Amino acid sequence: MSREIERIVTEDVVPVLRATLREATELRGAVQVLADRVDRLTGELAEGELLELTKLAARVVRVFETSHTNGGGRR
């Protein structure tokens, strides 16, 4: 019975644990990237740069909407 348990652990449990650890590592990396971006945006917000970026984005949206509203609707 001990060999059967060893086989199950080796063939079934270990691969699942390795895959889980690999996914956890990838997730941790993605969360770190997100945290870095949030830190950067927080710094920009504190410096007023985010406000400028928001104004620029709003201008782009207005231009886009105007071009599609004023006969710019090509298909």
C-alpha atoms as a PDB file:
ATOM      1  CA  MET A   1       0.000   0.000   0.000  1.00  0.00           C
ATOM      2  CA  SER A   2       2.911   2.338   0.682  1.00  0.00           C
ATOM      3  CA  ARG A   3       4.090   2.065  -2.936  1.00  0.00           C
ATOM      4  CA  GLU A   4       0.617   2.903  -4.167  1.00  0.00           C
ATOM      5  CA  ILE A   5       0.537   6.046  -2.030  1.00  0.00           C
ATOM      6  CA  GLU A   6       4.004   6.988  -3.250  1.00  0.00           C
ATOM      7  CA  ARG A   7       2.892   6.518  -6.857  1.00  0.00           C
ATOM      8  CA  ILE A   8      -0.217   8.660  -6.342  1.00  0.00           C
ATOM      9  CA  VAL A   9       1.790  11.417  -4.704  1.00  0.00           C
ATOM     10  CA  THR A  10       4.496  11.313  -7.390  1.00  0.00           C
ATOM     11  CA  GLU A  11       2.238  11.013 -10.424  1.00  0.00           C
ATOM     12  CA  ASP A  12      -0.828  12.963  -9.333  1.00  0.00           C
ATOM     13  CA  VAL A  13      -0.189  15.291  -6.425  1.00  0.00           C
ATOM     14  CA  VAL A  14       3.284  16.616  -7.268  1.00  0.00           C
ATOM     15  CA  PRO A  15       2.382  17.770 -10.820  1.00  0.00           C
ATOM     16  CA  VAL A  16      -0.701  19.569  -9.507  1.00  0.00           C
ATOM     17  CA  LEU A  17       1.340  21.291  -6.802  1.00  0.00           C
ATOM     18  CA  ARG A  18       4.011  22.334  -9.313  1.00  0.00           C
ATOM     19  CA  ALA A  19       1.402  23.802 -11.641  1.00  0.00           C
ATOM     20  CA  THR A  20      -0.220  25.635  -8.749  1.00  0.00           C
ATOM     21  CA  LEU A  21       3.099  27.078  -7.610  1.00  0.00           C
ATOM     22  CA  ARG A  22       3.911  28.151 -11.172  1.00  0.00           C
ATOM     23  CA  GLU A  23       0.549  29.913 -11.494  1.00  0.00           C
ATOM     24  CA  ALA A  24       1.006  31.565  -8.100  1.00  0.00           C
ATOM     25  CA  THR A  25       4.395  32.888  -9.220  1.00  0.00           C
ATOM     26  CA  GLU A  26       2.882  34.299 -12.414  1.00  0.00           C
ATOM     27  CA  LEU A  27       0.047  35.852 -10.443  1.00  0.00           C
ATOM     28  CA  ARG A  28       2.467  37.405  -7.969  1.00  0.00           C
ATOM     29  CA  GLY A  29       4.382  38.935 -10.888  1.00  0.00           C
ATOM     30  CA  ALA A  30       1.200  40.354 -12.409  1.00  0.00           C
ATOM     31  CA  VAL A  31       0.120  41.815  -9.069  1.00  0.00           C
ATOM     32  CA  GLN A  32       3.558  43.413  -8.684  1.00  0.00           C
ATOM     33  CA  VAL A  33       3.267  45.057 -12.114  1.00  0.00           C
ATOM     34  CA  LEU A  34      -0.191  46.329 -11.195  1.00  0.00           C
ATOM     35  CA  ALA A  35       1.056  47.653  -7.858  1.00  0.00           C
ATOM     36  CA  ASP A  36       3.910  49.458  -9.603  1.00  0.00           C
ATOM     37  CA  ARG A  37       1.475  51.087 -12.034  1.00  0.00           C
ATOM     38  CA  VAL A  38      -0.836  52.139  -9.208  1.00  0.00           C
ATOM     39  CA  ASP A  39       2.146  53.652  -7.381  1.00  0.00           C
ATOM     40  CA  ARG A  40       3.167  55.543 -10.503  1.00  0.00           C
ATOM     41  CA  LEU A  41      -0.372  56.832 -11.115  1.00  0.00           C
ATOM     42  CA  THR A  42      -0.671  57.845  -7.468  1.00  0.00           C
ATOM     43  CA  GLY A  43       2.546  59.818  -7.796  1.00  0.00           C
ATOM     44  CA  GLU A  44       1.303  61.446 -10.990  1.00  0.00           C
ATOM     45  CA  LEU A  45      -1.972  62.292  -9.328  1.00  0.00           C
ATOM     46  CA  ALA A  46      -0.111  63.916  -6.449  1.00  0.00           C
ATOM     47  CA  GLU A  47       1.914  65.945  -8.944  1.00  0.00           C
ATOM     48  CA  GLY A  48      -1.106  66.968 -11.032  1.00  0.00           C
ATOM     49  CA  GLU A  49       0.097  65.089 -14.121  1.00  0.00           C
ATOM     50  CA  LEU A  50      -2.897  62.796 -14.140  1.00  0.00           C
ATOM     51  CA  LEU A  51      -5.192  65.797 -14.499  1.00  0.00           C
ATOM     52  CA  GLU A  52      -3.335  66.808 -17.661  1.00  0.00           C
ATOM     53  CA  LEU A  53      -3.572  63.280 -19.014  1.00  0.00           C
ATOM     54  CA  THR A  54      -7.320  63.236 -18.302  1.00  0.00           C
ATOM     55  CA  LYS A  55      -7.764  66.543 -20.140  1.00  0.00           C
ATOM     56  CA  LEU A  56      -5.831  65.210 -23.110  1.00  0.00           C
ATOM     57  CA  ALA A  57      -7.908  62.011 -23.176  1.00  0.00           C
ATOM     58  CA  ALA A  58     -11.135  64.046 -23.028  1.00  0.00           C
ATOM     59  CA  ARG A  59      -9.947  66.123 -25.992  1.00  0.00           C
ATOM     60  CA  VAL A  60      -9.197  62.980 -27.983  1.00  0.00           C
ATOM     61  CA  VAL A  61     -12.653  61.580 -27.223  1.00  0.00           C
ATOM     62  CA  ARG A  62     -14.296  64.871 -28.310  1.00  0.00           C
ATOM     63  CA  VAL A  63     -12.369  64.874 -31.591  1.00  0.00           C
ATOM     64  CA  PHE A  64     -13.265  61.231 -32.182  1.00  0.00           C
ATOM     65  CA  GLU A  65     -16.953  61.824 -31.439  1.00  0.00           C
ATOM     66  CA  THR A  66     -17.035  64.952 -33.614  1.00  0.00           C
ATOM     67  CA  SER A  67     -15.452  63.164 -36.559  1.00  0.00           C
ATOM     68  CA  HIS A  68     -18.026  60.385 -36.345  1.00  0.00           C
ATOM     69  CA  THR A  69     -20.981  62.699 -35.760  1.00  0.00           C
ATOM     70  CA  ASN A  70     -20.236  65.203 -38.534  1.00  0.00           C
ATOM     71  CA  GLY A  71     -20.383  62.910 -41.528  1.00  0.00           C
ATOM     72  CA  GLY A  72     -17.256  61.027 -40.630  1.00  0.00           C
ATOM     73  CA  GLY A  73     -19.103  57.724 -40.362  1.00  0.00           C
ATOM     74  CA  ARG A  74     -17.306  55.768 -43.086  1.00  0.00           C
ATOM     75  CA  ARG A  75     -17.956  52.067 -43.381  1.00  0.00           C
END
